[in-house]
Amino acid sequence: MKFNACLTAAVVVVLLTSGCLTPSGGVPECTVRLDPDGCLYADGRPVKLGRLGATLESAGAGPSTMIRVSLPAGRTDALRAITRELSASGFRRVVFTLPTRASASLGVSPEY
């Protein structure tokens, strides 16, 4: 019983640290994140823009891999540079995401 629990834990650790992942839809996916300070991360590891494509390839990404790029609010200026770098490296499936803004309005409570 202990062996199975340890084996399961080891498999989970390997899957979480193995770079690009394949979600249930079957298309491999990598994540790239730009923080508000301008630091770029590929699958959680810091990377320079000029090494982004090579870093993703070493993590197992290929031309059919979905690259999900998360940009902070107000940093859409980096969109063109990241697109250029990924395109030059042969990545064609790129999705950019921006933070969603929640809106709230004050109204009259239904209890009154």
C-alpha atoms as a PDB file:
ATOM      1  CA  MET A   1       0.000   0.000   0.000  1.00  0.00           C
ATOM      2  CA  LYS A   2       2.810   2.428   0.914  1.00  0.00           C
ATOM      3  CA  PHE A   3       4.641   1.523  -2.289  1.00  0.00           C
ATOM      4  CA  ASN A   4       1.593   2.392  -4.430  1.00  0.00           C
ATOM      5  CA  ALA A   5       1.192   5.749  -2.688  1.00  0.00           C
ATOM      6  CA  CYS A   6       4.885   6.574  -3.193  1.00  0.00           C
ATOM      7  CA  LEU A   7       4.741   5.482  -6.819  1.00  0.00           C
ATOM      8  CA  THR A   8       1.653   7.604  -7.436  1.00  0.00           C
ATOM      9  CA  ALA A   9       3.296  10.614  -5.789  1.00  0.00           C
ATOM     10  CA  ALA A  10       6.431  10.135  -7.918  1.00  0.00           C
ATOM     11  CA  VAL A  11       4.382   9.979 -11.121  1.00  0.00           C
ATOM     12  CA  VAL A  12       2.538  13.182 -10.191  1.00  0.00           C
ATOM     13  CA  VAL A  13       5.824  14.996  -9.507  1.00  0.00           C
ATOM     14  CA  VAL A  14       7.277  13.860 -12.837  1.00  0.00           C
ATOM     15  CA  LEU A  15       4.165  14.970 -14.738  1.00  0.00           C
ATOM     16  CA  LEU A  16       4.085  18.367 -13.042  1.00  0.00           C
ATOM     17  CA  THR A  17       7.748  19.099 -13.743  1.00  0.00           C
ATOM     18  CA  SER A  18       8.049  17.699 -17.251  1.00  0.00           C
ATOM     19  CA  GLY A  19       7.557  20.907 -19.249  1.00  0.00           C
ATOM     20  CA  CYS A  20       4.759  21.014 -21.813  1.00  0.00           C
ATOM     21  CA  LEU A  21       1.670  19.030 -20.994  1.00  0.00           C
ATOM     22  CA  THR A  22      -1.060  17.366 -22.983  1.00  0.00           C
ATOM     23  CA  PRO A  23      -4.524  18.314 -21.718  1.00  0.00           C
ATOM     24  CA  SER A  24      -7.465  15.951 -22.071  1.00  0.00           C
ATOM     25  CA  GLY A  25      -8.201  17.299 -25.572  1.00  0.00           C
ATOM     26  CA  GLY A  26      -5.023  15.648 -26.831  1.00  0.00           C
ATOM     27  CA  VAL A  27      -3.226  18.748 -28.157  1.00  0.00           C
ATOM     28  CA  PRO A  28       0.053  19.458 -26.311  1.00  0.00           C
ATOM     29  CA  GLU A  29       0.167  22.836 -24.609  1.00  0.00           C
ATOM     30  CA  CYS A  30       2.887  25.081 -23.156  1.00  0.00           C
ATOM     31  CA  THR A  31       2.421  28.205 -21.121  1.00  0.00           C
ATOM     32  CA  VAL A  32       4.353  31.445 -21.425  1.00  0.00           C
ATOM     33  CA  ARG A  33       3.790  34.249 -18.938  1.00  0.00           C
ATOM     34  CA  LEU A  34       4.955  37.837 -18.923  1.00  0.00           C
ATOM     35  CA  ASP A  35       4.827  39.397 -15.481  1.00  0.00           C
ATOM     36  CA  PRO A  36       4.109  43.113 -14.904  1.00  0.00           C
ATOM     37  CA  ASP A  37       7.850  43.788 -14.452  1.00  0.00           C
ATOM     38  CA  GLY A  38       8.614  42.451 -17.944  1.00  0.00           C
ATOM     39  CA  CYS A  39      10.103  39.087 -16.916  1.00  0.00           C
ATOM     40  CA  LEU A  40       9.209  36.246 -19.276  1.00  0.00           C
ATOM     41  CA  TYR A  41       8.547  32.696 -18.047  1.00  0.00           C
ATOM     42  CA  ALA A  42       8.157  29.516 -20.115  1.00  0.00           C
ATOM     43  CA  ASP A  43       6.435  26.739 -18.189  1.00  0.00           C
ATOM     44  CA  GLY A  44       7.306  28.499 -14.938  1.00  0.00           C
ATOM     45  CA  ARG A  45      11.014  29.003 -15.687  1.00  0.00           C
ATOM     46  CA  PRO A  46      12.539  32.424 -16.436  1.00  0.00           C
ATOM     47  CA  VAL A  47      13.648  32.836 -20.055  1.00  0.00           C
ATOM     48  CA  LYS A  48      14.983  35.633 -22.251  1.00  0.00           C
ATOM     49  CA  LEU A  49      12.886  36.559 -25.278  1.00  0.00           C
ATOM     50  CA  GLY A  50      15.616  35.507 -27.732  1.00  0.00           C
ATOM     51  CA  ARG A  51      15.694  31.996 -26.191  1.00  0.00           C
ATOM     52  CA  LEU A  52      11.920  31.515 -25.925  1.00  0.00           C
ATOM     53  CA  GLY A  53      11.563  29.249 -28.966  1.00  0.00           C
ATOM     54  CA  ALA A  54      14.576  27.108 -28.057  1.00  0.00           C
ATOM     55  CA  THR A  55      13.373  26.784 -24.464  1.00  0.00           C
ATOM     56  CA  LEU A  56       9.925  25.620 -25.576  1.00  0.00           C
ATOM     57  CA  GLU A  57      11.460  23.138 -28.021  1.00  0.00           C
ATOM     58  CA  SER A  58      13.680  21.708 -25.290  1.00  0.00           C
ATOM     59  CA  ALA A  59      10.556  21.292 -23.147  1.00  0.00           C
ATOM     60  CA  GLY A  60       9.044  19.121 -25.886  1.00  0.00           C
ATOM     61  CA  ALA A  61       7.002  21.668 -27.843  1.00  0.00           C
ATOM     62  CA  GLY A  62       6.615  21.268 -31.583  1.00  0.00           C
ATOM     63  CA  PRO A  63       4.752  22.945 -34.451  1.00  0.00           C
ATOM     64  CA  SER A  64       1.419  21.450 -33.351  1.00  0.00           C
ATOM     65  CA  THR A  65       1.836  22.499 -29.715  1.00  0.00           C
ATOM     66  CA  MET A  66      -0.580  25.129 -28.437  1.00  0.00           C
ATOM     67  CA  ILE A  67       1.378  27.986 -26.863  1.00  0.00           C
ATOM     68  CA  ARG A  68      -0.714  29.926 -24.360  1.00  0.00           C
ATOM     69  CA  VAL A  69       0.789  33.359 -23.618  1.00  0.00           C
ATOM     70  CA  SER A  70      -0.513  35.261 -20.605  1.00  0.00           C
ATOM     71  CA  LEU A  71       0.072  39.005 -20.645  1.00  0.00           C
ATOM     72  CA  PRO A  72      -0.573  41.350 -17.711  1.00  0.00           C
ATOM     73  CA  ALA A  73      -2.883  44.315 -18.081  1.00  0.00           C
ATOM     74  CA  GLY A  74      -1.217  47.171 -19.899  1.00  0.00           C
ATOM     75  CA  ARG A  75       1.595  45.122 -21.441  1.00  0.00           C
ATOM     76  CA  THR A  76       0.199  44.496 -24.918  1.00  0.00           C
ATOM     77  CA  ASP A  77       3.349  46.168 -26.297  1.00  0.00           C
ATOM     78  CA  ALA A  78       5.135  42.814 -25.837  1.00  0.00           C
ATOM     79  CA  LEU A  79       2.589  40.999 -27.989  1.00  0.00           C
ATOM     80  CA  ARG A  80       4.364  41.796 -31.271  1.00  0.00           C
ATOM     81  CA  ALA A  81       7.833  40.800 -30.022  1.00  0.00           C
ATOM     82  CA  ILE A  82       6.618  37.501 -28.542  1.00  0.00           C
ATOM     83  CA  THR A  83       4.634  36.727 -31.702  1.00  0.00           C
ATOM     84  CA  ARG A  84       7.690  37.403 -33.861  1.00  0.00           C
ATOM     85  CA  GLU A  85       9.922  35.146 -31.737  1.00  0.00           C
ATOM     86  CA  LEU A  86       7.427  32.263 -31.648  1.00  0.00           C
ATOM     87  CA  SER A  87       6.728  32.544 -35.373  1.00  0.00           C
ATOM     88  CA  ALA A  88      10.450  32.519 -36.200  1.00  0.00           C
ATOM     89  CA  SER A  89      10.776  29.326 -34.145  1.00  0.00           C
ATOM     90  CA  GLY A  90       7.986  27.633 -36.105  1.00  0.00           C
ATOM     91  CA  PHE A  91       5.168  27.856 -33.578  1.00  0.00           C
ATOM     92  CA  ARG A  92       1.876  28.614 -35.295  1.00  0.00           C
ATOM     93  CA  ARG A  93      -0.668  27.814 -32.599  1.00  0.00           C
ATOM     94  CA  VAL A  94      -0.399  30.766 -30.215  1.00  0.00           C
ATOM     95  CA  VAL A  95      -3.163  32.064 -27.970  1.00  0.00           C
ATOM     96  CA  PHE A  96      -2.762  35.312 -26.036  1.00  0.00           C
ATOM     97  CA  THR A  97      -4.739  35.914 -22.869  1.00  0.00           C
ATOM     98  CA  LEU A  98      -5.201  39.090 -20.883  1.00  0.00           C
ATOM     99  CA  PRO A  99      -6.543  39.285 -17.345  1.00  0.00           C
ATOM    100  CA  THR A 100     -10.286  39.545 -17.166  1.00  0.00           C
ATOM    101  CA  ARG A 101     -11.767  42.502 -15.424  1.00  0.00           C
ATOM    102  CA  ALA A 102     -14.542  41.874 -13.014  1.00  0.00           C
ATOM    103  CA  SER A 103     -17.257  44.453 -12.888  1.00  0.00           C
ATOM    104  CA  ALA A 104     -19.526  45.066  -9.987  1.00  0.00           C
ATOM    105  CA  SER A 105     -22.393  47.429  -9.635  1.00  0.00           C
ATOM    106  CA  LEU A 106     -24.110  48.643  -6.536  1.00  0.00           C
ATOM    107  CA  GLY A 107     -27.790  48.220  -6.514  1.00  0.00           C
ATOM    108  CA  VAL A 108     -30.724  47.848  -4.256  1.00  0.00           C
ATOM    109  CA  SER A 109     -30.744  44.680  -2.210  1.00  0.00           C
ATOM    110  CA  PRO A 110     -33.666  42.400  -3.138  1.00  0.00           C
ATOM    111  CA  GLU A 111     -34.547  42.201   0.559  1.00  0.00           C
ATOM    112  CA  TYR A 112     -35.714  45.833   0.671  1.00  0.00           C
END
